[in-house]
Each structure stands twice: as structure tokens, then as C-alpha cells.
Amino acid sequence: MKYSRPHYRLIKSARIINKLAGDKRRTLLDVGCGPATLMRLVRPNIHYYGIDIAIHDRLPNLLEADFLEQPIRFDGRRFDIVVALGVFEYMAGRQDQKFAEIAELLSERGRFV
């Protein structure tokens, strides 16, 4: 795969996530991560995890799963920040269910972007 410059939406999202995290160690789940481009854009204090139906590079922090058919989960983990960019328009009548699943993934003071 050739490198391509991250889309503006990813750059803007990374700025928001970096601001939310500040300098503290945070965990981030990227729902619908694609090739995990966002991982390169967040600060090192943010431990990145990604989930998608098709994972290109097998890494321990990336999970391949069909989260439309299965609940959104990542090995029982909870996250400080969960992001879902360009995902919910494909969920049709399952949006309420998937929002509830994401709410379950958030830590006590977690944020959803």
C-alpha cells in the first residue's frame, strides 16, 4: 500500500483527541479504523486500539471483527476515548444499539467522539 496523506477529517479528529487527552496517559478505541491512520496522528501518551471488518496490518492493538453483526468489544477493555469516524451512516437501524455498546466501552469519565 502506498502512503497517502491523511484526510482532513482525521487530522481534525486527532487535534480534538490530543486536546481531550492532554498530557495524561489515555486509551483510545477507533471503531472502523480502516488502515489505522489515526494511530500515527495521536500523541504517544495515547495508547491506540482499532477495530475494523478488514485489518491490513496484524498488530496486537488492532482487532478484525464485523461489529455490525457482533457487539462492539475489544477483549473486555474499557477506553478513555472512543472515536467512530464515518461509521454510523452505515449502521442503518442499528445505530441506537451501537451507541449503547460504545457507551459500555467507555471508562467512568470516558468521552465519545
PDB file of N, CA and C in Angstrom:
ATOM      1  N   MET A   1       0.843  -1.181   0.000  1.00  0.00           N
ATOM      2  CA  MET A   1       0.000   0.000   0.000  1.00  0.00           C
ATOM      3  C   MET A   1       0.886   1.241   0.000  1.00  0.00           C
ATOM      4  N   LYS A   2       0.537   2.176  -0.826  1.00  0.00           N
ATOM      5  CA  LYS A   2       1.287   3.424  -0.892  1.00  0.00           C
ATOM      6  C   LYS A   2       0.787   4.381   0.187  1.00  0.00           C
ATOM      7  N   TYR A   3       1.692   5.191   0.666  1.00  0.00           N
ATOM      8  CA  TYR A   3       1.327   6.200   1.662  1.00  0.00           C
ATOM      9  C   TYR A   3       0.490   7.281   1.003  1.00  0.00           C
ATOM     10  N   SER A   4      -0.561   7.668   1.662  1.00  0.00           N
ATOM     11  CA  SER A   4      -1.329   8.825   1.209  1.00  0.00           C
ATOM     12  C   SER A   4      -1.539   9.738   2.413  1.00  0.00           C
ATOM     13  N   ARG A   5      -1.584  10.999   2.137  1.00  0.00           N
ATOM     14  CA  ARG A   5      -1.742  11.993   3.199  1.00  0.00           C
ATOM     15  C   ARG A   5      -3.094  11.794   3.887  1.00  0.00           C
ATOM     16  N   PRO A   6      -3.115  11.850   5.233  1.00  0.00           N
ATOM     17  CA  PRO A   6      -4.381  11.672   5.955  1.00  0.00           C
ATOM     18  C   PRO A   6      -5.411  12.718   5.550  1.00  0.00           C
ATOM     19  N   HIS A   7      -6.640  12.289   5.445  1.00  0.00           N
ATOM     20  CA  HIS A   7      -7.752  13.173   5.109  1.00  0.00           C
ATOM     21  C   HIS A   7      -7.917  14.220   6.208  1.00  0.00           C
ATOM     22  N   TYR A   8      -8.429  15.387   5.835  1.00  0.00           N
ATOM     23  CA  TYR A   8      -8.626  16.486   6.777  1.00  0.00           C
ATOM     24  C   TYR A   8      -9.426  16.037   8.004  1.00  0.00           C
ATOM     25  N   ARG A   9     -10.434  15.181   7.810  1.00  0.00           N
ATOM     26  CA  ARG A   9     -11.269  14.715   8.919  1.00  0.00           C
ATOM     27  C   ARG A   9     -10.412  14.013   9.977  1.00  0.00           C
ATOM     28  N   LEU A  10      -9.431  13.228   9.551  1.00  0.00           N
ATOM     29  CA  LEU A  10      -8.559  12.535  10.500  1.00  0.00           C
ATOM     30  C   LEU A  10      -7.648  13.503  11.234  1.00  0.00           C
ATOM     31  N   ILE A  11      -7.132  14.476  10.532  1.00  0.00           N
ATOM     32  CA  ILE A  11      -6.247  15.469  11.154  1.00  0.00           C
ATOM     33  C   ILE A  11      -7.014  16.276  12.194  1.00  0.00           C
ATOM     34  N   LYS A  12      -8.215  16.698  11.845  1.00  0.00           N
ATOM     35  CA  LYS A  12      -9.042  17.459  12.785  1.00  0.00           C
ATOM     36  C   LYS A  12      -9.422  16.593  13.984  1.00  0.00           C
ATOM     37  N   SER A  13      -9.777  15.357  13.751  1.00  0.00           N
ATOM     38  CA  SER A  13     -10.119  14.441  14.849  1.00  0.00           C
ATOM     39  C   SER A  13      -8.928  14.221  15.772  1.00  0.00           C
ATOM     40  N   ALA A  14      -7.753  14.067  15.205  1.00  0.00           N
ATOM     41  CA  ALA A  14      -6.550  13.884  16.018  1.00  0.00           C
ATOM     42  C   ALA A  14      -6.313  15.106  16.903  1.00  0.00           C
ATOM     43  N   ARG A  15      -6.547  16.296  16.382  1.00  0.00           N
ATOM     44  CA  ARG A  15      -6.391  17.508  17.203  1.00  0.00           C
ATOM     45  C   ARG A  15      -7.349  17.479  18.387  1.00  0.00           C
ATOM     46  N   ILE A  16      -8.601  17.083  18.151  1.00  0.00           N
ATOM     47  CA  ILE A  16      -9.600  17.010  19.225  1.00  0.00           C
ATOM     48  C   ILE A  16      -9.191  15.959  20.254  1.00  0.00           C
ATOM     49  N   ILE A  17      -8.787  14.784  19.789  1.00  0.00           N
ATOM     50  CA  ILE A  17      -8.386  13.695  20.685  1.00  0.00           C
ATOM     51  C   ILE A  17      -7.165  14.095  21.502  1.00  0.00           C
ATOM     52  N   ASN A  18      -6.171  14.694  20.863  1.00  0.00           N
ATOM     53  CA  ASN A  18      -4.970  15.135  21.571  1.00  0.00           C
ATOM     54  C   ASN A  18      -5.319  16.163  22.642  1.00  0.00           C
ATOM     55  N   LYS A  19      -6.251  17.045  22.334  1.00  0.00           N
ATOM     56  CA  LYS A  19      -6.666  18.056  23.306  1.00  0.00           C
ATOM     57  C   LYS A  19      -7.404  17.405  24.480  1.00  0.00           C
ATOM     58  N   LEU A  20      -8.298  16.459  24.186  1.00  0.00           N
ATOM     59  CA  LEU A  20      -9.016  15.758  25.252  1.00  0.00           C
ATOM     60  C   LEU A  20      -8.058  15.000  26.166  1.00  0.00           C
ATOM     61  N   ALA A  21      -7.062  14.373  25.582  1.00  0.00           N
ATOM     62  CA  ALA A  21      -6.119  13.561  26.358  1.00  0.00           C
ATOM     63  C   ALA A  21      -5.145  14.407  27.157  1.00  0.00           C
ATOM     64  N   GLY A  22      -4.796  15.569  26.628  1.00  0.00           N
ATOM     65  CA  GLY A  22      -3.778  16.377  27.295  1.00  0.00           C
ATOM     66  C   GLY A  22      -2.474  15.607  27.378  1.00  0.00           C
ATOM     67  N   ASP A  23      -1.804  15.711  28.511  1.00  0.00           N
ATOM     68  CA  ASP A  23      -0.525  15.018  28.704  1.00  0.00           C
ATOM     69  C   ASP A  23      -0.680  13.706  29.470  1.00  0.00           C
ATOM     70  N   LYS A  24      -1.915  13.373  29.857  1.00  0.00           N
ATOM     71  CA  LYS A  24      -2.148  12.154  30.635  1.00  0.00           C
ATOM     72  C   LYS A  24      -2.173  10.931  29.731  1.00  0.00           C
ATOM     73  N   ARG A  25      -1.824   9.789  30.306  1.00  0.00           N
ATOM     74  CA  ARG A  25      -1.921   8.530  29.570  1.00  0.00           C
ATOM     75  C   ARG A  25      -3.397   8.204  29.373  1.00  0.00           C
ATOM     76  N   ARG A  26      -3.779   7.945  28.150  1.00  0.00           N
ATOM     77  CA  ARG A  26      -5.162   7.632  27.811  1.00  0.00           C
ATOM     78  C   ARG A  26      -5.204   6.440  26.873  1.00  0.00           C
ATOM     79  N   THR A  27      -6.349   5.758  26.872  1.00  0.00           N
ATOM     80  CA  THR A  27      -6.576   4.685  25.904  1.00  0.00           C
ATOM     81  C   THR A  27      -7.636   5.162  24.920  1.00  0.00           C
ATOM     82  N   LEU A  28      -7.448   4.791  23.665  1.00  0.00           N
ATOM     83  CA  LEU A  28      -8.340   5.220  22.581  1.00  0.00           C
ATOM     84  C   LEU A  28      -8.742   4.002  21.762  1.00  0.00           C
ATOM     85  N   LEU A  29     -10.043   3.859  21.514  1.00  0.00           N
ATOM     86  CA  LEU A  29     -10.531   2.848  20.577  1.00  0.00           C
ATOM     87  C   LEU A  29     -11.076   3.559  19.359  1.00  0.00           C
ATOM     88  N   ASP A  30     -10.572   3.193  18.197  1.00  0.00           N
ATOM     89  CA  ASP A  30     -11.002   3.731  16.903  1.00  0.00           C
ATOM     90  C   ASP A  30     -11.899   2.680  16.247  1.00  0.00           C
ATOM     91  N   VAL A  31     -13.211   2.915  16.291  1.00  0.00           N
ATOM     92  CA  VAL A  31     -14.188   1.983  15.721  1.00  0.00           C
ATOM     93  C   VAL A  31     -14.297   2.273  14.230  1.00  0.00           C
ATOM     94  N   GLY A  32     -14.021   1.267  13.417  1.00  0.00           N
ATOM     95  CA  GLY A  32     -13.992   1.470  11.964  1.00  0.00           C
ATOM     96  C   GLY A  32     -12.675   2.115  11.561  1.00  0.00           C
ATOM     97  N   CYS A  33     -11.584   1.591  12.089  1.00  0.00           N
ATOM     98  CA  CYS A  33     -10.269   2.232  11.963  1.00  0.00           C
ATOM     99  C   CYS A  33      -9.654   2.165  10.568  1.00  0.00           C
ATOM    100  N   GLY A  34     -10.163   1.283   9.683  1.00  0.00           N
ATOM    101  CA  GLY A  34      -9.538   1.164   8.366  1.00  0.00           C
ATOM    102  C   GLY A  34      -8.075   0.789   8.510  1.00  0.00           C
ATOM    103  N   PRO A  35      -7.179   1.485   7.818  1.00  0.00           N
ATOM    104  CA  PRO A  35      -5.747   1.162   7.926  1.00  0.00           C
ATOM    105  C   PRO A  35      -5.072   1.761   9.161  1.00  0.00           C
ATOM    106  N   ALA A  36      -5.844   2.216  10.136  1.00  0.00           N
ATOM    107  CA  ALA A  36      -5.327   2.749  11.406  1.00  0.00           C
ATOM    108  C   ALA A  36      -4.461   3.987  11.220  1.00  0.00           C
ATOM    109  N   THR A  37      -4.803   4.820  10.275  1.00  0.00           N
ATOM    110  CA  THR A  37      -4.053   6.054  10.019  1.00  0.00           C
ATOM    111  C   THR A  37      -4.045   6.976  11.233  1.00  0.00           C
ATOM    112  N   LEU A  38      -5.151   6.997  11.969  1.00  0.00           N
ATOM    113  CA  LEU A  38      -5.245   7.867  13.143  1.00  0.00           C
ATOM    114  C   LEU A  38      -4.162   7.544  14.166  1.00  0.00           C
ATOM    115  N   MET A  39      -3.717   6.304  14.207  1.00  0.00           N
ATOM    116  CA  MET A  39      -2.678   5.884  15.152  1.00  0.00           C
ATOM    117  C   MET A  39      -1.411   6.726  14.994  1.00  0.00           C
ATOM    118  N   ARG A  40      -1.094   7.130  13.765  1.00  0.00           N
ATOM    119  CA  ARG A  40       0.111   7.929  13.512  1.00  0.00           C
ATOM    120  C   ARG A  40      -0.073   9.395  13.888  1.00  0.00           C
ATOM    121  N   LEU A  41      -1.310   9.824  14.125  1.00  0.00           N
ATOM    122  CA  LEU A  41      -1.601  11.237  14.340  1.00  0.00           C
ATOM    123  C   LEU A  41      -1.832  11.622  15.800  1.00  0.00           C
ATOM    124  N   VAL A  42      -2.030  10.619  16.660  1.00  0.00           N
ATOM    125  CA  VAL A  42      -2.260  10.941  18.070  1.00  0.00           C
ATOM    126  C   VAL A  42      -0.935  10.917  18.821  1.00  0.00           C
ATOM    127  N   ARG A  43      -0.905  11.621  19.935  1.00  0.00           N
ATOM    128  CA  ARG A  43       0.312  11.724  20.748  1.00  0.00           C
ATOM    129  C   ARG A  43       0.715  10.368  21.328  1.00  0.00           C
ATOM    130  N   PRO A  44       1.998  10.226  21.671  1.00  0.00           N
ATOM    131  CA  PRO A  44       2.490   8.958  22.225  1.00  0.00           C
ATOM    132  C   PRO A  44       1.859   8.568  23.566  1.00  0.00           C
ATOM    133  N   ASN A  45       1.306   9.525  24.312  1.00  0.00           N
ATOM    134  CA  ASN A  45       0.664   9.194  25.588  1.00  0.00           C
ATOM    135  C   ASN A  45      -0.720   8.567  25.408  1.00  0.00           C
ATOM    136  N   ILE A  46      -1.182   8.468  24.181  1.00  0.00           N
ATOM    137  CA  ILE A  46      -2.479   7.870  23.871  1.00  0.00           C
ATOM    138  C   ILE A  46      -2.232   6.469  23.308  1.00  0.00           C
ATOM    139  N   HIS A  47      -2.651   5.463  24.080  1.00  0.00           N
ATOM    140  CA  HIS A  47      -2.474   4.079  23.631  1.00  0.00           C
ATOM    141  C   HIS A  47      -3.642   3.743  22.695  1.00  0.00           C
ATOM    142  N   TYR A  48      -3.320   3.556  21.435  1.00  0.00           N
ATOM    143  CA  TYR A  48      -4.289   3.398  20.350  1.00  0.00           C
ATOM    144  C   TYR A  48      -4.684   1.935  20.162  1.00  0.00           C
ATOM    145  N   TYR A  49      -6.004   1.709  20.019  1.00  0.00           N
ATOM    146  CA  TYR A  49      -6.560   0.424  19.623  1.00  0.00           C
ATOM    147  C   TYR A  49      -7.515   0.681  18.469  1.00  0.00           C
ATOM    148  N   GLY A  50      -7.602  -0.247  17.548  1.00  0.00           N
ATOM    149  CA  GLY A  50      -8.505  -0.101  16.418  1.00  0.00           C
ATOM    150  C   GLY A  50      -9.260  -1.385  16.144  1.00  0.00           C
ATOM    151  N   ILE A  51     -10.484  -1.232  15.636  1.00  0.00           N
ATOM    152  CA  ILE A  51     -11.307  -2.378  15.264  1.00  0.00           C
ATOM    153  C   ILE A  51     -11.933  -2.076  13.902  1.00  0.00           C
ATOM    154  N   ASP A  52     -11.915  -3.073  13.029  1.00  0.00           N
ATOM    155  CA  ASP A  52     -12.485  -2.896  11.694  1.00  0.00           C
ATOM    156  C   ASP A  52     -12.809  -4.271  11.114  1.00  0.00           C
ATOM    157  N   ILE A  53     -13.648  -4.281  10.112  1.00  0.00           N
ATOM    158  CA  ILE A  53     -14.018  -5.532   9.453  1.00  0.00           C
ATOM    159  C   ILE A  53     -12.861  -6.109   8.643  1.00  0.00           C
ATOM    160  N   ALA A  54     -11.923  -5.274   8.234  1.00  0.00           N
ATOM    161  CA  ALA A  54     -10.768  -5.741   7.462  1.00  0.00           C
ATOM    162  C   ALA A  54      -9.518  -5.023   7.966  1.00  0.00           C
ATOM    163  N   ILE A  55      -8.640  -5.749   8.624  1.00  0.00           N
ATOM    164  CA  ILE A  55      -7.390  -5.199   9.134  1.00  0.00           C
ATOM    165  C   ILE A  55      -6.270  -5.592   8.181  1.00  0.00           C
ATOM    166  N   HIS A  56      -5.516  -4.602   7.721  1.00  0.00           N
ATOM    167  CA  HIS A  56      -4.437  -4.851   6.762  1.00  0.00           C
ATOM    168  C   HIS A  56      -3.159  -5.324   7.440  1.00  0.00           C
ATOM    169  N   ASP A  57      -2.766  -4.651   8.506  1.00  0.00           N
ATOM    170  CA  ASP A  57      -1.541  -4.989   9.232  1.00  0.00           C
ATOM    171  C   ASP A  57      -1.918  -5.623  10.562  1.00  0.00           C
ATOM    172  N   ARG A  58      -1.526  -6.837  10.763  1.00  0.00           N
ATOM    173  CA  ARG A  58      -1.839  -7.552  12.010  1.00  0.00           C
ATOM    174  C   ARG A  58      -0.943  -7.031  13.126  1.00  0.00           C
ATOM    175  N   LEU A  59      -1.541  -6.333  14.051  1.00  0.00           N
ATOM    176  CA  LEU A  59      -0.847  -5.822  15.226  1.00  0.00           C
ATOM    177  C   LEU A  59      -1.679  -6.175  16.453  1.00  0.00           C
ATOM    178  N   PRO A  60      -1.068  -6.313  17.633  1.00  0.00           N
ATOM    179  CA  PRO A  60      -1.835  -6.694  18.817  1.00  0.00           C
ATOM    180  C   PRO A  60      -2.889  -5.667  19.229  1.00  0.00           C
ATOM    181  N   ASN A  61      -2.727  -4.430  18.812  1.00  0.00           N
ATOM    182  CA  ASN A  61      -3.687  -3.387  19.186  1.00  0.00           C
ATOM    183  C   ASN A  61      -4.782  -3.192  18.129  1.00  0.00           C
ATOM    184  N   LEU A  62      -4.799  -4.040  17.107  1.00  0.00           N
ATOM    185  CA  LEU A  62      -5.821  -3.969  16.061  1.00  0.00           C
ATOM    186  C   LEU A  62      -6.605  -5.270  16.030  1.00  0.00           C
ATOM    187  N   LEU A  63      -7.926  -5.149  15.970  1.00  0.00           N
ATOM    188  CA  LEU A  63      -8.796  -6.314  16.001  1.00  0.00           C
ATOM    189  C   LEU A  63      -9.681  -6.328  14.764  1.00  0.00           C
ATOM    190  N   GLU A  64      -9.685  -7.450  14.077  1.00  0.00           N
ATOM    191  CA  GLU A  64     -10.572  -7.610  12.925  1.00  0.00           C
ATOM    192  C   GLU A  64     -11.871  -8.246  13.411  1.00  0.00           C
ATOM    193  N   ALA A  65     -12.988  -7.549  13.202  1.00  0.00           N
ATOM    194  CA  ALA A  65     -14.288  -8.042  13.649  1.00  0.00           C
ATOM    195  C   ALA A  65     -15.392  -7.343  12.869  1.00  0.00           C
ATOM    196  N   ASP A  66     -16.460  -8.063  12.628  1.00  0.00           N
ATOM    197  CA  ASP A  66     -17.641  -7.495  11.974  1.00  0.00           C
ATOM    198  C   ASP A  66     -18.548  -6.937  13.063  1.00  0.00           C
ATOM    199  N   PHE A  67     -18.302  -5.693  13.460  1.00  0.00           N
ATOM    200  CA  PHE A  67     -19.045  -5.117  14.574  1.00  0.00           C
ATOM    201  C   PHE A  67     -20.457  -4.692  14.192  1.00  0.00           C
ATOM    202  N   LEU A  68     -20.849  -4.841  12.932  1.00  0.00           N
ATOM    203  CA  LEU A  68     -22.254  -4.659  12.583  1.00  0.00           C
ATOM    204  C   LEU A  68     -23.065  -5.878  13.006  1.00  0.00           C
ATOM    205  N   GLU A  69     -22.486  -7.050  12.848  1.00  0.00           N
ATOM    206  CA  GLU A  69     -23.166  -8.297  13.198  1.00  0.00           C
ATOM    207  C   GLU A  69     -22.888  -8.735  14.631  1.00  0.00           C
ATOM    208  N   GLN A  70     -21.756  -8.320  15.180  1.00  0.00           N
ATOM    209  CA  GLN A  70     -21.354  -8.690  16.539  1.00  0.00           C
ATOM    210  C   GLN A  70     -21.331  -7.422  17.404  1.00  0.00           C
ATOM    211  N   PRO A  71     -21.444  -7.584  18.723  1.00  0.00           N
ATOM    212  CA  PRO A  71     -21.305  -6.406  19.593  1.00  0.00           C
ATOM    213  C   PRO A  71     -19.910  -5.780  19.450  1.00  0.00           C
ATOM    214  N   ILE A  72     -19.843  -4.476  19.604  1.00  0.00           N
ATOM    215  CA  ILE A  72     -18.554  -3.783  19.585  1.00  0.00           C
ATOM    216  C   ILE A  72     -17.871  -4.079  20.917  1.00  0.00           C
ATOM    217  N   ARG A  73     -16.768  -4.810  20.847  1.00  0.00           N
ATOM    218  CA  ARG A  73     -15.993  -5.199  22.020  1.00  0.00           C
ATOM    219  C   ARG A  73     -14.529  -5.248  21.628  1.00  0.00           C
ATOM    220  N   PHE A  74     -13.655  -5.115  22.626  1.00  0.00           N
ATOM    221  CA  PHE A  74     -12.225  -5.286  22.388  1.00  0.00           C
ATOM    222  C   PHE A  74     -11.628  -5.967  23.607  1.00  0.00           C
ATOM    223  N   ASP A  75     -11.687  -7.275  23.629  1.00  0.00           N
ATOM    224  CA  ASP A  75     -11.088  -8.100  24.687  1.00  0.00           C
ATOM    225  C   ASP A  75     -11.475  -7.658  26.094  1.00  0.00           C
ATOM    226  N   GLY A  76     -12.706  -7.208  26.288  1.00  0.00           N
ATOM    227  CA  GLY A  76     -13.172  -6.811  27.613  1.00  0.00           C
ATOM    228  C   GLY A  76     -12.614  -5.500  28.120  1.00  0.00           C
ATOM    229  N   ARG A  77     -11.900  -4.765  27.284  1.00  0.00           N
ATOM    230  CA  ARG A  77     -11.290  -3.490  27.697  1.00  0.00           C
ATOM    231  C   ARG A  77     -12.333  -2.370  27.734  1.00  0.00           C
ATOM    232  N   ARG A  78     -12.011  -1.361  28.537  1.00  0.00           N
ATOM    233  CA  ARG A  78     -12.753  -0.097  28.555  1.00  0.00           C
ATOM    234  C   ARG A  78     -11.765   0.988  28.157  1.00  0.00           C
ATOM    235  N   PHE A  79     -12.279   2.092  27.597  1.00  0.00           N
ATOM    236  CA  PHE A  79     -11.416   3.101  26.997  1.00  0.00           C
ATOM    237  C   PHE A  79     -11.754   4.494  27.513  1.00  0.00           C
ATOM    238  N   ASP A  80     -10.715   5.329  27.550  1.00  0.00           N
ATOM    239  CA  ASP A  80     -10.902   6.724  27.941  1.00  0.00           C
ATOM    240  C   ASP A  80     -11.566   7.518  26.814  1.00  0.00           C
ATOM    241  N   ILE A  81     -11.243   7.156  25.591  1.00  0.00           N
ATOM    242  CA  ILE A  81     -11.791   7.841  24.411  1.00  0.00           C
ATOM    243  C   ILE A  81     -12.170   6.781  23.379  1.00  0.00           C
ATOM    244  N   VAL A  82     -13.359   6.916  22.814  1.00  0.00           N
ATOM    245  CA  VAL A  82     -13.774   6.080  21.692  1.00  0.00           C
ATOM    246  C   VAL A  82     -14.139   7.024  20.557  1.00  0.00           C
ATOM    247  N   VAL A  83     -13.652   6.714  19.376  1.00  0.00           N
ATOM    248  CA  VAL A  83     -13.927   7.519  18.197  1.00  0.00           C
ATOM    249  C   VAL A  83     -14.520   6.607  17.120  1.00  0.00           C
ATOM    250  N   ALA A  84     -15.498   7.132  16.377  1.00  0.00           N
ATOM    251  CA  ALA A  84     -16.087   6.397  15.254  1.00  0.00           C
ATOM    252  C   ALA A  84     -16.298   7.404  14.124  1.00  0.00           C
ATOM    253  N   LEU A  85     -15.374   7.403  13.184  1.00  0.00           N
ATOM    254  CA  LEU A  85     -15.413   8.369  12.082  1.00  0.00           C
ATOM    255  C   LEU A  85     -15.943   7.690  10.820  1.00  0.00           C
ATOM    256  N   GLY A  86     -17.004   8.226  10.264  1.00  0.00           N
ATOM    257  CA  GLY A  86     -17.540   7.683   9.020  1.00  0.00           C
ATOM    258  C   GLY A  86     -18.084   6.279   9.160  1.00  0.00           C
ATOM    259  N   VAL A  87     -18.638   5.960  10.324  1.00  0.00           N
ATOM    260  CA  VAL A  87     -19.135   4.613  10.585  1.00  0.00           C
ATOM    261  C   VAL A  87     -20.655   4.571  10.704  1.00  0.00           C
ATOM    262  N   PHE A  88     -21.224   5.497  11.423  1.00  0.00           N
ATOM    263  CA  PHE A  88     -22.637   5.397  11.771  1.00  0.00           C
ATOM    264  C   PHE A  88     -23.590   5.545  10.593  1.00  0.00           C
ATOM    265  N   GLU A  89     -23.149   6.135   9.510  1.00  0.00           N
ATOM    266  CA  GLU A  89     -24.029   6.215   8.351  1.00  0.00           C
ATOM    267  C   GLU A  89     -24.249   4.850   7.697  1.00  0.00           C
ATOM    268  N   TYR A  90     -23.429   3.860   8.058  1.00  0.00           N
ATOM    269  CA  TYR A  90     -23.573   2.509   7.511  1.00  0.00           C
ATOM    270  C   TYR A  90     -24.325   1.564   8.446  1.00  0.00           C
ATOM    271  N   MET A  91     -24.770   2.047   9.577  1.00  0.00           N
ATOM    272  CA  MET A  91     -25.394   1.187  10.577  1.00  0.00           C
ATOM    273  C   MET A  91     -26.907   1.134  10.496  1.00  0.00           C
ATOM    274  N   ALA A  92     -27.503   1.913   9.622  1.00  0.00           N
ATOM    275  CA  ALA A  92     -28.955   1.895   9.396  1.00  0.00           C
ATOM    276  C   ALA A  92     -29.725   1.807  10.710  1.00  0.00           C
ATOM    277  N   GLY A  93     -30.563   0.800  10.866  1.00  0.00           N
ATOM    278  CA  GLY A  93     -31.431   0.677  12.034  1.00  0.00           C
ATOM    279  C   GLY A  93     -30.746   0.203  13.297  1.00  0.00           C
ATOM    280  N   ARG A  94     -29.438   0.042  13.281  1.00  0.00           N
ATOM    281  CA  ARG A  94     -28.698  -0.449  14.445  1.00  0.00           C
ATOM    282  C   ARG A  94     -27.985   0.657  15.209  1.00  0.00           C
ATOM    283  N   GLN A  95     -28.206   1.891  14.842  1.00  0.00           N
ATOM    284  CA  GLN A  95     -27.452   2.980  15.462  1.00  0.00           C
ATOM    285  C   GLN A  95     -27.648   3.050  16.970  1.00  0.00           C
ATOM    286  N   ASP A  96     -28.889   2.973  17.439  1.00  0.00           N
ATOM    287  CA  ASP A  96     -29.135   3.050  18.884  1.00  0.00           C
ATOM    288  C   ASP A  96     -28.402   1.940  19.624  1.00  0.00           C
ATOM    289  N   GLN A  97     -28.455   0.731  19.091  1.00  0.00           N
ATOM    290  CA  GLN A  97     -27.780  -0.410  19.704  1.00  0.00           C
ATOM    291  C   GLN A  97     -26.271  -0.184  19.752  1.00  0.00           C
ATOM    292  N   LYS A  98     -25.699   0.322  18.663  1.00  0.00           N
ATOM    293  CA  LYS A  98     -24.252   0.513  18.598  1.00  0.00           C
ATOM    294  C   LYS A  98     -23.798   1.662  19.492  1.00  0.00           C
ATOM    295  N   PHE A  99     -24.614   2.721  19.617  1.00  0.00           N
ATOM    296  CA  PHE A  99     -24.288   3.787  20.570  1.00  0.00           C
ATOM    297  C   PHE A  99     -24.263   3.232  21.992  1.00  0.00           C
ATOM    298  N   ALA A 100     -25.208   2.366  22.322  1.00  0.00           N
ATOM    299  CA  ALA A 100     -25.256   1.754  23.656  1.00  0.00           C
ATOM    300  C   ALA A 100     -24.030   0.881  23.893  1.00  0.00           C
ATOM    301  N   GLU A 101     -23.601   0.135  22.880  1.00  0.00           N
ATOM    302  CA  GLU A 101     -22.405  -0.696  23.017  1.00  0.00           C
ATOM    303  C   GLU A 101     -21.165   0.158  23.251  1.00  0.00           C
ATOM    304  N   ILE A 102     -21.081   1.272  22.542  1.00  0.00           N
ATOM    305  CA  ILE A 102     -19.945   2.176  22.741  1.00  0.00           C
ATOM    306  C   ILE A 102     -19.975   2.773  24.142  1.00  0.00           C
ATOM    307  N   ALA A 103     -21.153   3.120  24.629  1.00  0.00           N
ATOM    308  CA  ALA A 103     -21.263   3.662  25.988  1.00  0.00           C
ATOM    309  C   ALA A 103     -20.729   2.660  27.012  1.00  0.00           C
ATOM    310  N   GLU A 104     -20.936   1.375  26.776  1.00  0.00           N
ATOM    311  CA  GLU A 104     -20.430   0.331  27.668  1.00  0.00           C
ATOM    312  C   GLU A 104     -18.908   0.215  27.626  1.00  0.00           C
ATOM    313  N   LEU A 105     -18.300   0.643  26.529  1.00  0.00           N
ATOM    314  CA  LEU A 105     -16.844   0.568  26.373  1.00  0.00           C
ATOM    315  C   LEU A 105     -16.109   1.718  27.051  1.00  0.00           C
ATOM    316  N   LEU A 106     -16.824   2.767  27.366  1.00  0.00           N
ATOM    317  CA  LEU A 106     -16.184   3.955  27.930  1.00  0.00           C
ATOM    318  C   LEU A 106     -15.882   3.781  29.410  1.00  0.00           C
ATOM    319  N   SER A 107     -14.712   4.259  29.816  1.00  0.00           N
ATOM    320  CA  SER A 107     -14.381   4.289  31.236  1.00  0.00           C
ATOM    321  C   SER A 107     -15.322   5.280  31.919  1.00  0.00           C
ATOM    322  N   GLU A 108     -15.232   5.359  33.234  1.00  0.00           N
ATOM    323  CA  GLU A 108     -16.179   6.176  34.010  1.00  0.00           C
ATOM    324  C   GLU A 108     -16.288   7.621  33.502  1.00  0.00           C
ATOM    325  N   ARG A 109     -15.180   8.224  33.155  1.00  0.00           N
ATOM    326  CA  ARG A 109     -15.205   9.611  32.664  1.00  0.00           C
ATOM    327  C   ARG A 109     -14.812   9.656  31.176  1.00  0.00           C
ATOM    328  N   GLY A 110     -15.070   8.557  30.465  1.00  0.00           N
ATOM    329  CA  GLY A 110     -14.693   8.461  29.067  1.00  0.00           C
ATOM    330  C   GLY A 110     -15.476   9.387  28.160  1.00  0.00           C
ATOM    331  N   ARG A 111     -14.914   9.629  26.994  1.00  0.00           N
ATOM    332  CA  ARG A 111     -15.516  10.512  26.000  1.00  0.00           C
ATOM    333  C   ARG A 111     -15.682   9.786  24.675  1.00  0.00           C
ATOM    334  N   PHE A 112     -16.786  10.089  23.992  1.00  0.00           N
ATOM    335  CA  PHE A 112     -17.038   9.542  22.661  1.00  0.00           C
ATOM    336  C   PHE A 112     -16.970  10.678  21.649  1.00  0.00           C
ATOM    337  N   VAL A 113     -16.159  10.490  20.615  1.00  0.00           N
ATOM    338  CA  VAL A 113     -16.009  11.492  19.553  1.00  0.00           C
ATOM    339  C   VAL A 113     -16.604  10.910  18.291  1.00  0.00           C
TER     340      VAL A 113
END
